[in-house]
Protein backbone atom coordinates (compact mmCIF):
# COMPACT_ATOMS: atom_id res chain seq x y z
CA MET A 1 63.91 286.35 173.46
CA VAL A 2 64.71 286.00 169.88
CA GLN A 3 68.72 286.76 170.58
CA SER A 4 68.75 283.37 172.70
CA TYR A 5 66.76 281.21 169.91
CA PRO A 6 69.68 280.62 167.68
CA GLY A 7 71.54 279.12 170.48
CA LEU A 8 68.41 277.30 171.68
CA VAL A 9 68.40 275.76 168.02
CA ARG A 10 72.14 274.81 168.33
CA CYS A 11 71.51 272.86 171.44
CA ARG A 12 68.54 271.11 170.42
CA SER A 13 70.56 269.73 167.23
CA SER A 14 73.72 269.10 168.93
CA SER A 15 72.99 265.28 169.51
CA SER A 16 71.94 265.06 165.82
CA ARG A 17 75.23 266.79 164.77
CA SER A 18 76.89 263.94 166.65
CA LEU A 19 75.03 261.42 165.65
CA PHE A 20 75.72 263.02 162.07
CA VAL A 21 79.34 262.94 162.91
CA VAL A 22 79.68 259.26 163.96
CA ILE A 23 77.96 258.02 160.98
CA LEU A 24 80.37 259.77 159.10
CA ILE A 25 83.33 258.40 160.84
CA LEU A 26 82.04 254.96 160.41
CA LEU A 27 81.73 255.02 157.16
CA VAL A 28 84.69 256.74 156.69
CA ALA A 29 86.54 254.34 158.64
CA ILE A 30 85.11 251.14 156.53
CA LEU A 31 86.70 252.78 153.49
CA THR A 32 89.93 253.16 154.72
CA MET A 33 90.66 251.57 158.28
CA GLY A 34 88.62 248.83 157.07
CA PRO A 35 91.31 247.54 154.48
CA ALA A 36 94.20 248.52 156.49
CA VAL A 37 92.84 246.25 159.41
CA MET A 38 92.28 243.51 157.32
CA LEU A 39 95.85 243.96 155.86
CA LEU A 40 97.02 243.36 158.70
CA LEU A 41 95.09 240.53 160.02
CA GLY A 42 95.50 238.76 156.64
CA SER A 43 99.18 238.84 156.95
CA PHE A 44 99.10 236.16 159.75
CA SER A 45 96.46 234.27 158.18
CA GLN A 46 97.23 231.17 156.37
CA ARG A 47 95.16 231.73 152.66
CA LEU A 48 93.24 234.39 151.22
CA GLY A 49 89.56 234.77 152.65
CA ARG A 50 90.02 232.91 155.68
CA ILE A 51 90.93 234.93 159.10
CA GLY A 52 93.06 232.48 161.44
CA PRO A 53 94.47 230.14 162.21
CA PHE A 54 96.99 233.20 163.20
CA THR A 55 100.96 232.51 162.42
CA ILE A 56 103.72 234.59 162.02
CA GLN A 57 104.66 232.30 159.24
CA LYS A 58 103.94 234.63 156.52
CA TYR A 59 105.99 237.06 158.00
CA VAL A 60 109.48 234.60 158.62
CA ALA A 61 108.89 233.83 155.01
CA ILE A 62 109.30 237.55 153.63
CA TYR A 63 112.13 238.79 156.14
CA ALA A 64 114.24 235.65 155.41
CA ASP A 65 114.36 236.17 151.85
CA PRO A 66 117.96 237.23 150.91
CA ALA A 67 116.47 239.57 147.84
CA LEU A 68 114.41 241.93 150.62
CA PRO A 69 117.32 243.93 152.14
CA GLN A 70 118.45 244.80 148.08
CA ILE A 71 114.85 245.69 147.48
CA ILE A 72 114.63 248.07 150.45
CA GLY A 73 117.80 249.69 149.53
CA ASN A 74 116.55 250.33 145.86
CA THR A 75 113.01 251.10 147.34
CA LEU A 76 114.80 254.09 149.74
CA ILE A 77 117.02 255.41 146.67
CA PHE A 78 114.28 255.48 144.53
CA VAL A 79 112.03 257.30 146.95
CA LEU A 80 114.49 259.46 148.42
CA SER A 81 116.36 260.68 145.26
CA SER A 82 112.89 260.82 143.36
CA SER A 83 111.42 262.91 145.99
CA ALA A 84 114.70 265.80 146.24
CA LEU A 85 114.27 265.76 142.15
CA ALA A 86 110.74 266.82 142.49
CA THR A 87 111.02 269.18 145.23
CA VAL A 88 114.40 270.72 143.85
CA LEU A 89 112.01 271.43 140.64
CA GLY A 90 108.80 272.25 142.19
CA THR A 91 110.69 274.86 144.53
CA LEU A 92 112.62 276.53 141.33
CA LEU A 93 109.25 276.79 139.47
CA ALA A 94 107.40 278.20 142.21
CA PHE A 95 110.17 280.69 143.22
CA LEU A 96 110.53 281.94 139.22
CA ASN A 97 106.57 281.75 139.20
CA VAL A 98 105.77 283.98 142.29
CA ARG A 99 109.02 285.80 143.17
CA THR A 100 110.18 286.72 139.71
CA ASP A 101 109.48 288.94 136.65
CA ILE A 102 109.54 285.96 134.32
CA PRO A 103 107.40 286.20 131.60
CA GLY A 104 104.47 284.05 130.95
CA LYS A 105 103.36 283.66 134.61
CA LYS A 106 99.48 282.94 133.95
CA LEU A 107 100.52 280.43 131.83
CA PHE A 108 103.11 278.85 134.33
CA GLN A 109 100.58 278.93 136.90
CA ILE A 110 98.61 276.53 134.73
CA LEU A 111 101.30 274.49 133.04
CA PRO A 112 103.04 272.92 136.47
CA LEU A 113 99.70 271.20 137.12
CA VAL A 114 98.97 269.85 133.69
CA PRO A 115 101.12 266.61 134.61
CA MET A 116 98.50 265.74 137.25
CA MET A 117 96.07 265.13 134.26
CA PHE A 118 98.29 262.77 132.65
CA PRO A 119 98.29 258.79 133.45
CA HIS A 120 101.50 257.63 135.24
CA VAL A 121 101.30 254.30 132.98
CA LEU A 122 101.45 256.36 129.65
CA PHE A 123 103.77 258.69 130.59
CA ALA A 124 106.34 255.80 131.76
CA ALA A 125 105.06 254.29 128.04
CA ALA A 126 106.17 257.28 126.24
CA TRP A 127 109.57 257.77 127.24
CA ILE A 128 110.39 253.65 127.09
CA MET A 129 109.44 254.56 123.28
CA LEU A 130 112.01 257.44 123.52
CA LEU A 131 115.15 255.95 125.80
CA ASN A 132 114.76 252.09 125.36
CA PRO A 133 117.95 251.12 124.98
CA SER A 134 118.00 249.15 121.75
CA ASN A 135 115.37 251.15 119.98
CA GLY A 136 114.24 254.32 121.85
CA LEU A 137 113.71 257.02 119.28
CA ILE A 138 116.17 259.32 121.07
CA ASN A 139 118.74 256.64 121.33
CA ILE A 140 118.47 255.92 117.74
CA TRP A 141 118.91 259.37 116.76
CA LEU A 142 121.87 259.53 119.08
CA ARG A 143 123.60 256.89 117.36
CA ARG A 144 122.83 258.10 113.98
CA LEU A 145 125.09 261.27 115.23
CA PHE A 146 127.57 259.27 117.21
CA PRO A 147 129.32 255.93 116.45
CA MET A 148 127.79 254.14 119.44
CA VAL A 149 126.42 250.36 119.11
CA SER A 150 124.03 250.65 121.49
CA GLY A 151 122.40 252.75 124.16
CA PRO A 152 123.79 255.58 125.15
CA ILE A 153 120.77 256.49 127.54
CA ASN A 154 118.96 253.30 129.35
CA ILE A 155 115.71 254.00 131.01
CA TYR A 156 115.63 250.82 132.04
CA SER A 157 117.50 251.32 135.44
CA LEU A 158 117.08 252.89 138.94
CA THR A 159 118.54 256.22 137.39
CA GLY A 160 115.93 256.01 134.69
CA MET A 161 112.97 255.36 137.37
CA ILE A 162 113.83 258.92 139.59
CA PHE A 163 113.91 260.62 136.77
CA LEU A 164 110.31 259.55 135.37
CA GLU A 165 108.86 259.65 139.09
CA GLY A 166 110.70 262.88 139.96
CA LEU A 167 109.10 264.57 137.13
CA LEU A 168 105.30 262.95 138.27
CA ASP A 169 105.52 264.43 141.36
CA VAL A 170 106.23 268.00 140.38
CA PRO A 171 103.52 269.22 140.18
CA ILE A 172 102.70 268.12 143.99
CA THR A 173 106.05 269.92 145.32
CA PHE A 174 104.99 272.81 143.41
CA MET A 175 101.34 273.38 144.88
CA VAL A 176 102.84 272.92 148.49
CA VAL A 177 105.62 275.65 148.23
CA ALA A 178 103.80 278.14 145.69
CA PRO A 179 101.49 279.40 148.29
CA ALA A 180 104.31 279.75 151.05
CA MET A 181 106.50 281.68 148.35
CA PHE A 182 103.61 283.99 147.65
CA SER A 183 102.49 284.58 151.63
CA PHE A 184 106.09 287.22 152.30
CA ASP A 185 106.21 290.19 153.93
CA PRO A 186 108.51 292.10 152.00
CA ALA A 187 109.65 294.12 154.98
CA LEU A 188 111.50 291.24 156.25
CA GLU A 189 113.20 291.31 152.94
CA GLU A 190 113.96 295.18 152.59
CA ALA A 191 115.20 295.38 156.68
CA ALA A 192 118.19 292.99 155.12
CA ARG A 193 118.52 294.65 152.20
CA VAL A 194 118.95 298.16 153.89
CA SER A 195 121.31 296.28 156.43
CA GLY A 196 123.63 295.96 153.75
CA ALA A 197 122.65 292.42 152.25
CA ASN A 198 123.17 291.56 148.60
CA LEU A 199 120.61 289.42 146.72
CA ARG A 200 122.13 286.23 147.67
CA GLN A 201 122.56 286.86 151.31
CA VAL A 202 118.46 287.57 151.44
CA LEU A 203 117.82 284.28 149.58
CA ARG A 204 119.94 282.60 151.79
CA ARG A 205 119.11 283.97 155.26
CA ILE A 206 116.00 285.37 154.85
CA THR A 207 113.75 283.68 151.87
CA LEU A 208 115.02 280.28 152.30
CA PRO A 209 114.26 279.75 156.29
CA LEU A 210 111.10 281.09 156.13
CA VAL A 211 110.10 278.25 153.33
CA ARG A 212 111.86 275.55 154.78
CA PRO A 213 108.80 274.36 156.26
CA ALA A 214 107.08 274.31 152.86
CA VAL A 215 109.80 272.77 151.43
CA LEU A 216 110.15 269.90 153.43
CA ALA A 217 106.67 269.56 153.77
CA ALA A 218 106.69 269.27 149.91
CA PHE A 219 109.71 266.86 150.40
CA MET A 220 107.88 264.35 152.55
CA LEU A 221 104.68 264.64 150.42
CA ALA A 222 106.74 263.47 147.51
CA ILE A 223 108.31 261.05 149.50
CA ILE A 224 104.43 259.38 150.44
CA ARG A 225 103.79 259.38 147.14
CA GLY A 226 107.11 257.95 146.45
CA PHE A 227 106.38 254.74 148.54
CA ALA A 228 102.74 254.45 146.70
CA ALA A 229 104.48 254.93 143.07
CA PHE A 230 103.54 251.55 141.02
CA ALA A 231 103.54 252.16 137.47
CA VAL A 232 107.16 253.96 136.66
CA PRO A 233 108.51 251.14 138.67
CA GLN A 234 106.58 248.33 137.24
CA MET A 235 107.06 249.32 133.49
CA VAL A 236 110.87 250.63 133.63
CA GLY A 237 112.11 249.14 136.56
CA ILE A 238 111.49 245.22 136.35
CA PRO A 239 112.62 244.98 132.63
CA GLY A 240 116.00 246.74 134.73
CA ARG A 241 116.17 244.20 137.13
CA VAL A 242 115.32 247.05 140.15
CA THR A 243 112.91 245.69 142.12
CA VAL A 244 111.17 247.99 144.90
CA LEU A 245 108.45 247.19 147.40
CA THR A 246 105.64 247.74 145.42
CA THR A 247 106.68 245.80 142.57
CA TYR A 248 107.94 243.41 144.95
CA ILE A 249 104.25 242.88 146.18
CA TYR A 250 102.92 242.60 142.68
CA ARG A 251 105.23 239.28 141.63
CA ILE A 252 103.79 237.86 144.46
CA VAL A 253 100.55 238.02 143.69
CA SER A 254 100.83 238.04 139.96
CA ILE A 255 103.40 235.47 138.99
CA GLY A 256 102.80 231.90 139.36
CA TRP A 257 99.70 229.43 139.98
CA SER A 258 98.90 230.02 143.53
CA PRO A 259 99.85 233.86 144.76
CA ASP A 260 100.36 233.99 148.26
CA TYR A 261 98.27 236.57 149.11
CA GLY A 262 99.61 236.49 153.21
CA LYS A 263 102.94 237.19 151.85
CA ALA A 264 101.51 240.18 149.87
CA ALA A 265 99.84 241.86 153.07
CA ALA A 266 102.88 241.12 155.56
CA VAL A 267 105.22 243.50 152.82
CA GLY A 268 102.18 245.27 152.84
CA VAL A 269 102.23 246.32 156.15
CA LEU A 270 106.15 247.12 156.15
CA VAL A 271 104.96 249.76 153.39
CA LEU A 272 101.89 250.74 155.19
CA VAL A 273 103.86 251.60 158.73
CA ILE A 274 106.74 253.48 156.60
CA ALA A 275 104.14 255.57 154.79
CA LEU A 276 102.46 256.37 158.02
CA ILE A 277 105.67 257.27 159.47
CA SER A 278 106.11 259.85 156.41
CA VAL A 279 102.37 260.98 157.13
CA TYR A 280 103.35 261.55 160.49
CA PHE A 281 106.18 263.91 159.77
CA TYR A 282 104.20 265.32 156.89
CA ARG A 283 101.71 266.79 159.53
CA ARG A 284 104.31 267.90 161.85
CA LEU A 285 106.21 269.79 159.32
CA THR A 286 102.95 271.63 158.29
CA ARG A 287 101.82 272.44 161.85
CA GLU A 288 105.28 273.79 162.49
CA GLY A 289 105.06 276.14 159.49
CA GLU A 290 102.37 278.32 160.90
CA ARG A 291 105.24 279.54 163.46
CA PHE A 292 106.83 281.35 159.99
CA VAL A 293 104.02 283.12 159.44
CA THR A 294 104.85 286.70 158.46
CA VAL A 295 101.67 287.79 156.67
CA THR A 296 99.02 289.54 159.21
CA GLY A 297 95.65 291.73 158.30
CA LYS A 298 97.95 294.29 156.88
CA GLY A 299 98.62 294.98 153.24
CA TYR A 300 101.29 292.98 151.59
CA ARG A 301 102.96 292.12 148.47
CA PRO A 302 105.60 289.67 147.26
CA GLN A 303 108.74 291.10 146.61
CA ILE A 304 109.33 290.93 142.65
CA ILE A 305 113.04 290.36 142.09
CA LYS A 306 114.16 291.53 138.71
CA LEU A 307 116.13 288.63 136.20
CA LYS A 308 117.55 291.38 134.05
CA LEU A 309 119.32 289.64 131.11
CA ALA A 310 118.08 285.97 132.40
CA ARG A 311 114.70 286.84 132.01
CA TRP A 312 113.94 285.45 128.43
CA PRO A 313 116.61 282.32 128.77
CA LEU A 314 114.84 281.03 132.16
CA PHE A 315 111.51 281.38 130.33
CA LEU A 316 112.92 279.54 127.50
CA ALA A 317 114.17 276.98 130.24
CA VAL A 318 111.10 276.84 131.87
CA LEU A 319 109.23 276.55 128.70
CA LEU A 320 111.45 273.55 127.41
CA PHE A 321 110.65 272.03 130.61
CA PHE A 322 106.87 271.77 130.11
CA LEU A 323 107.61 270.91 126.47
CA VAL A 324 109.56 267.80 128.01
CA LEU A 325 106.69 266.95 130.57
CA THR A 326 103.90 267.22 128.98
CA ILE A 327 104.29 267.66 124.83
CA LEU A 328 106.72 265.21 124.15
CA PRO A 329 105.15 262.03 125.69
CA LEU A 330 102.21 263.11 123.96
CA ALA A 331 103.52 263.62 120.72
CA VAL A 332 104.86 260.26 120.85
CA LEU A 333 102.05 258.32 121.97
CA VAL A 334 100.13 260.02 118.99
CA TYR A 335 103.26 258.99 116.56
CA MET A 336 103.41 255.71 117.58
CA SER A 337 99.42 254.87 117.59
CA PHE A 338 100.23 254.64 113.68
CA LEU A 339 103.04 252.38 113.78
CA PRO A 340 103.51 248.34 114.10
CA TYR A 341 106.86 249.28 115.94
CA VAL A 342 108.99 251.92 117.31
CA VAL A 343 110.55 253.69 114.00
CA PRO A 344 112.27 256.98 113.85
CA PRO A 345 110.56 259.89 112.09
CA SER A 346 111.86 258.81 108.11
CA ALA A 347 110.82 257.82 104.81
CA LYS A 348 110.19 254.41 106.34
CA ALA A 349 108.21 255.44 108.71
CA TRP A 350 105.78 257.40 106.62
CA ALA A 351 105.56 254.32 104.66
CA LEU A 352 104.27 252.20 107.75
CA PHE A 353 101.63 254.40 108.43
CA SER A 354 98.57 252.95 109.35
CA THR A 355 95.22 252.99 111.49
CA VAL A 356 95.75 249.02 112.23
CA ASN A 357 96.27 249.99 116.14
CA TRP A 358 93.40 252.16 116.13
CA LYS A 359 91.22 249.42 114.65
CA TYR A 360 92.19 246.78 116.93
CA VAL A 361 91.84 248.70 119.96
CA PHE A 362 88.23 249.63 118.74
CA SER A 363 87.45 245.99 117.82
CA ASP A 364 89.16 244.47 121.08
CA PRO A 365 86.15 243.44 123.06
CA ILE A 366 88.31 243.44 126.83
CA ALA A 367 89.51 246.81 125.43
CA GLY A 368 85.76 248.05 124.96
CA ARG A 369 84.81 246.70 128.02
CA ALA A 370 87.64 248.19 129.93
CA LEU A 371 86.48 251.75 128.28
CA LYS A 372 83.21 251.28 129.55
CA ASN A 373 83.90 250.40 133.04
CA THR A 374 86.53 253.22 133.40
CA ALA A 375 83.90 255.68 132.26
CA PHE A 376 81.49 253.78 134.78
CA ILE A 377 83.88 254.29 137.46
CA ALA A 378 85.05 257.78 136.60
CA ILE A 379 81.67 259.36 136.67
CA THR A 380 80.14 257.12 139.15
CA GLY A 381 82.89 257.02 141.62
CA ALA A 382 83.29 260.97 141.33
CA THR A 383 79.78 261.50 142.39
CA VAL A 384 79.89 259.60 145.02
CA ALA A 385 82.94 260.74 146.52
CA VAL A 386 82.11 264.17 146.17
CA LEU A 387 78.59 263.53 147.98
CA LEU A 388 80.39 261.73 150.78
CA SER A 389 83.52 264.50 150.62
CA LEU A 390 80.42 267.23 150.95
CA PHE A 391 79.63 266.03 154.13
CA VAL A 392 82.92 265.13 155.51
CA ALA A 393 84.31 268.45 154.52
CA TYR A 394 81.24 270.19 156.06
CA ALA A 395 81.89 268.07 159.42
CA SER A 396 85.16 269.10 159.49
CA ALA A 397 84.85 273.11 158.96
CA ARG A 398 81.61 273.46 160.95
CA ILE A 399 81.62 270.75 164.03
CA ARG A 400 84.58 271.04 166.24
CA SER A 401 84.76 268.41 168.47
CA ARG A 402 86.94 265.54 169.18
CA LEU A 403 84.80 263.04 167.05
CA THR A 404 85.48 265.71 164.12
CA GLY A 405 89.14 265.63 165.09
CA LEU A 406 88.87 261.97 164.44
CA LEU A 407 86.85 262.20 161.22
CA ASP A 408 89.75 264.26 159.95
CA SER A 409 92.00 262.10 161.23
CA LEU A 410 90.94 258.84 159.26
CA THR A 411 90.06 261.24 156.05
CA PHE A 412 93.96 261.80 155.69
CA MET A 413 94.87 258.71 156.65
CA SER A 414 94.17 257.81 152.83
CA TYR A 415 96.99 260.03 151.95
CA ALA A 416 99.19 257.04 153.90
CA PHE A 417 97.93 254.18 151.69
CA PRO A 418 99.81 253.40 148.50
CA GLY A 419 97.19 252.26 146.02
CA LEU A 420 98.73 248.92 145.77
CA VAL A 421 98.91 247.82 149.23
CA ILE A 422 95.39 248.85 149.89
CA GLY A 423 94.50 247.27 146.88
CA ILE A 424 95.37 243.95 148.55
CA GLY A 425 93.63 245.41 151.65
CA PHE A 426 90.35 245.49 149.88
CA MET A 427 90.76 242.10 148.47
CA TRP A 428 91.01 240.79 152.00
CA PHE A 429 88.28 243.02 152.81
CA LEU A 430 85.90 242.04 150.11
CA VAL A 431 86.80 238.57 149.13
CA ARG A 432 83.77 236.66 151.04
CA THR A 433 81.47 239.49 149.69
CA PRO A 434 79.47 239.21 146.22
CA LEU A 435 81.31 242.62 145.40
CA TYR A 436 84.62 240.68 145.07
CA GLY A 437 85.88 240.77 141.56
CA THR A 438 83.15 243.01 140.60
CA ILE A 439 83.47 247.07 139.38
CA TRP A 440 81.47 247.93 142.67
CA ALA A 441 85.07 246.32 144.11
CA LEU A 442 87.04 248.78 141.97
CA LEU A 443 84.68 251.76 142.60
CA LEU A 444 84.52 251.22 146.54
CA ALA A 445 88.39 251.03 146.56
CA PHE A 446 89.03 254.30 144.51
CA VAL A 447 86.57 256.39 146.58
CA GLY A 448 88.41 255.02 150.01
CA THR A 449 91.89 255.59 148.50
CA TYR A 450 91.14 258.84 147.00
CA LEU A 451 88.49 260.37 149.32
CA PRO A 452 90.95 263.32 150.72
CA TYR A 453 91.35 264.82 147.30
CA GLY A 454 87.52 265.58 147.39
CA VAL A 455 87.30 266.78 151.21
CA ARG A 456 90.52 269.03 150.67
CA PRO A 457 88.69 271.78 148.21
CA LEU A 458 85.86 271.35 149.85
CA GLY A 459 86.75 272.30 153.37
CA SER A 460 88.42 274.99 151.95
CA ALA A 461 85.38 276.12 150.58
CA PHE A 462 83.34 275.66 153.83
CA PHE A 463 85.89 277.71 155.54
CA GLN A 464 85.02 280.68 153.45
CA ILE A 465 81.38 280.79 154.48
CA HIS A 466 80.08 282.67 157.65
CA LYS A 467 78.12 280.56 160.26
CA ASP A 468 75.64 283.24 160.36
CA LEU A 469 74.00 282.09 157.13
CA GLU A 470 73.24 278.82 158.86
CA ASP A 471 71.69 280.21 162.10
CA SER A 472 69.63 282.54 159.94
CA ALA A 473 68.35 279.72 158.25
CA ARG A 474 67.59 277.75 161.05
CA VAL A 475 65.84 280.94 163.31
CA CYS A 476 63.19 280.98 160.05
CA GLY A 477 62.55 277.30 160.88
CA ALA A 478 64.67 275.33 158.09
CA SER A 479 66.18 271.97 158.81
CA PHE A 480 69.55 270.68 158.59
CA LEU A 481 69.12 269.19 155.22
CA GLY A 482 67.50 272.22 153.88
CA THR A 483 69.83 274.61 155.02
CA PHE A 484 72.81 272.52 153.65
CA ARG A 485 70.82 272.17 150.48
CA ARG A 486 69.43 275.43 150.19
CA ILE A 487 72.61 277.55 151.59
CA MET A 488 75.68 275.59 151.76
CA ILE A 489 75.60 273.76 148.55
CA PRO A 490 75.06 276.38 146.17
CA LEU A 491 78.15 278.20 148.30
CA VAL A 492 80.35 275.55 147.36
CA THR A 493 79.37 274.84 143.72
CA PRO A 494 82.60 275.88 142.44
CA GLY A 495 84.35 273.71 145.37
CA ILE A 496 81.78 270.65 144.09
CA PHE A 497 83.04 271.02 140.27
CA SER A 498 86.88 271.02 141.39
CA ALA A 499 86.66 268.32 143.50
CA TRP A 500 84.86 266.05 140.74
CA THR A 501 87.06 267.04 138.11
CA LEU A 502 90.20 266.30 140.38
CA LEU A 503 88.52 262.83 141.29
CA SER A 504 87.10 261.74 137.79
CA SER A 505 90.77 262.26 136.51
CA MET A 506 92.63 260.47 138.77
CA PHE A 507 90.22 257.26 138.93
CA VAL A 508 90.65 257.04 134.75
CA ARG A 509 94.26 257.28 135.26
CA GLU A 510 94.51 255.00 138.56
CA LEU A 511 96.45 251.81 138.07
CA SER A 512 97.71 250.72 141.51
CA VAL A 513 94.52 249.67 143.17
CA ALA A 514 92.90 248.39 139.82
CA ALA A 515 95.99 246.08 139.06
CA VAL A 516 95.42 244.09 142.14
CA LEU A 517 91.41 244.14 142.38
CA ALA A 518 90.58 243.81 138.47
CA ARG A 519 89.19 240.70 137.56
CA PRO A 520 87.75 239.46 134.16
CA GLY A 521 84.74 241.60 133.41
CA SER A 522 85.75 244.22 135.37
CA GLU A 523 88.85 245.56 133.68
CA VAL A 524 89.75 249.37 133.42
CA LEU A 525 92.07 251.42 130.89
CA SER A 526 94.74 251.63 132.85
CA VAL A 527 95.24 247.77 133.43
CA GLN A 528 94.67 246.96 129.63
CA VAL A 529 97.43 249.45 128.58
CA LEU A 530 99.47 247.49 131.09
CA ARG A 531 98.86 244.28 129.55
CA TYR A 532 99.60 245.33 125.79
CA ALA A 533 103.16 247.26 127.50
CA TYR A 534 103.78 243.65 128.82
CA ASP A 535 104.15 242.08 125.22
CA GLY A 536 105.76 244.98 123.42
CA LEU A 537 102.62 246.01 121.53
CA TRP A 538 103.58 250.17 122.13
CA GLY A 539 101.26 250.64 118.91
CA ARG A 540 98.06 249.47 120.95
CA VAL A 541 99.62 251.16 123.96
CA SER A 542 99.81 254.42 122.50
CA ALA A 543 96.03 254.19 120.72
CA LEU A 544 94.36 253.01 123.96
CA GLY A 545 96.40 255.64 125.93
CA ILE A 546 95.09 258.32 123.54
CA ILE A 547 91.90 257.05 124.08
CA MET A 548 92.65 257.39 127.81
CA ILE A 549 93.74 260.90 128.03
CA GLY A 550 90.65 261.38 125.30
CA LEU A 551 88.40 260.43 128.40
CA SER A 552 89.79 262.41 131.25
CA THR A 553 89.78 265.46 128.74
CA LEU A 554 86.16 265.07 127.83
CA LEU A 555 85.19 264.66 131.43
CA VAL A 556 86.77 267.84 132.18
CA LEU A 557 85.13 269.77 129.46
CA CYS A 558 81.92 268.36 130.47
CA VAL A 559 82.22 270.04 133.86
CA SER A 560 83.64 272.95 132.37
CA GLY A 561 80.82 273.62 130.31
CA ALA A 562 78.18 272.81 132.96
CA ARG A 563 79.91 275.24 135.60
CA LYS A 564 79.52 277.96 132.84
CA ILE A 565 76.18 276.82 132.37
CA LEU A 566 75.09 277.14 135.69
CA SER A 567 77.17 280.44 136.64
CA ARG A 568 75.20 281.99 133.71
CA ASN A 569 72.08 281.04 134.72
CA VAL A 570 72.86 281.99 138.31
CA SER A 571 74.03 285.75 136.91
CA GLN A 572 70.54 285.99 135.22
CA VAL A 573 68.91 285.23 138.47
C-alpha cells in the first residue's frame, strides 16, 4: 500500500503539471513567438501600430533595391568568415587546453570566457582607436617606423569587421568544442598508435573525425551569432561603407524623418528565416554528435600530448592572444578616457591628461539616466529571467511529454532571433500598449531574447537531481510548490547564481535590442556609448565604457560574495 502511494500522488498531480506546463508555454510563446509573429504581420502592413490592410508593397520595395544583393553578399562573407576564424581559434585553444601539457591550464580555462563580459560596442571602439586609418594608435606608431602617408591598417573594412567579430565569438566556439575534446576514450588513439600511426595521422584520422560534429556545431552557433551581430558592423562597417543586413535594417528605422518600420520588418523576416535555418542545422549537428560518443561508464582519462620544446613558445603565443583580446582593449579605454582626442603615448599626451571626460560623463543627465536604467534592467531583468528560467528548466528536465518538448523548442527559438530583428518585432508587439517607449519594454525584450541563457545552466543542474527526492517529499505531504521551494531550489542554487550572473552581464552590454527600442527616458549605457561614438567623442566613449564594465564587474562580485556567504552558512548548518 505504501509502495503504491507515490504513483497515486503522481497520477493526481499529472493534470496540475500539465496546466503548469501550458502556462509556461503561453508565457514563453508571448516573449519569443509573439514578437516574431508581429514582425511577420508588420512586414505586410502599411505603418507601425496598424495591422492591415495587408500588402506586399514593403517586400517589393526592399527586394527591388539594387543595393540588396551587395548587402546580402557582404553579410554572407562577414558571417561565414568570422565564424570560420572563431571556430579555428576556439578549436585550437580547446585542443591546447584539454589535450596537451601546455603550462597554465587553469588560467586558460578561464581566459577564453573573459571576452563574454566585454561589451561588443566597447571592444569595437577600442580597436577603432587602435587601427583607425588616420589617427589610430598602432597606425601612428607604424608610420613612425616606416615611411607611409596613411594607414597602413584600415579597421574600417570588411576584413576589419571579420577580425573583430571572429575574436568576439571565440568564447562560444571554445565552450562547444572543449567538452568534446575532453570526452575521448584514449583506447582509440592508443590502438591507432599500436598499429603504427604517428601523431599527425592519429590527429587527422581519429581525433578530428570524432570532434567534427562539435566543431561543426560550434561553427553553426557562430553563424547564428554572426547574423545577429550589430555593434561591430555598425561601428566599423558603416564608416567603411560596408553594409550588412542588420545595419541595413537599422538605417531604415533610424535615418530620416519618417522611418519605414514595414520595410525594416520585411528585411527582418529574411534574417529571421536564415537564422532559423541555421538553428535547425545546429540542433541536427548536436544530435548527430551522440553517434560519436566514446566515453562510457568505464573510467577514462584523455590522452595528453607532450609539446616538448614547443611548450613554452605556445604558452607565450596563447598568453599574447588573450592580452590582445582583453587587456589591450581595456588599457586603450583607460588611456583614452583621460585624453581629449586620440594621441599616441608621448610627452604631449601626458601634458593633455585631464579628467574632463569623466566630469562630463558624470554631469551628463542622459548618461546618468542611462546608468540607472541599465542597473535596473540588469538587476530586475536578470531576476525575472532567472525565475522564469527556473520553472522552464524544471519542466523540461522533470516533466517528459510533448508539451515540454514544445516548451523546450520555444525556449531555444530565441537563439535564432537576432537582437535588432526581435527588437523590431517587440516594437510592433508593444506599440499599442502603455509599455511602448518605457524601460519595461526593454526589460521584456531582454528577458525574451536571453531566456535560453538562463534555462540551459539551470536545466543541467536539475538533471543532476534524482527524482526520488521529490517523491519522498510528496509522500510526506509536501505540495508541489513546497517541494520546489524547500528541496529543488536549495539544490540548484549554484546554477541560479551562475544564470543570474550571466544574464545580468549580458543585459548590461546588450546593444542591438536597445538600439531599436530605447526612447528618451529609457536610454541605456550601450546606446549612449554608441551616440558618443557617432560624434567621434572617443574620450567620453572610453570613460562611459569603463563605467559600463565597472557596473558589470560589480554585479559579478556581489553575486560571488553572496554565493560565498550562502555556502558558509550552509556548511555551518
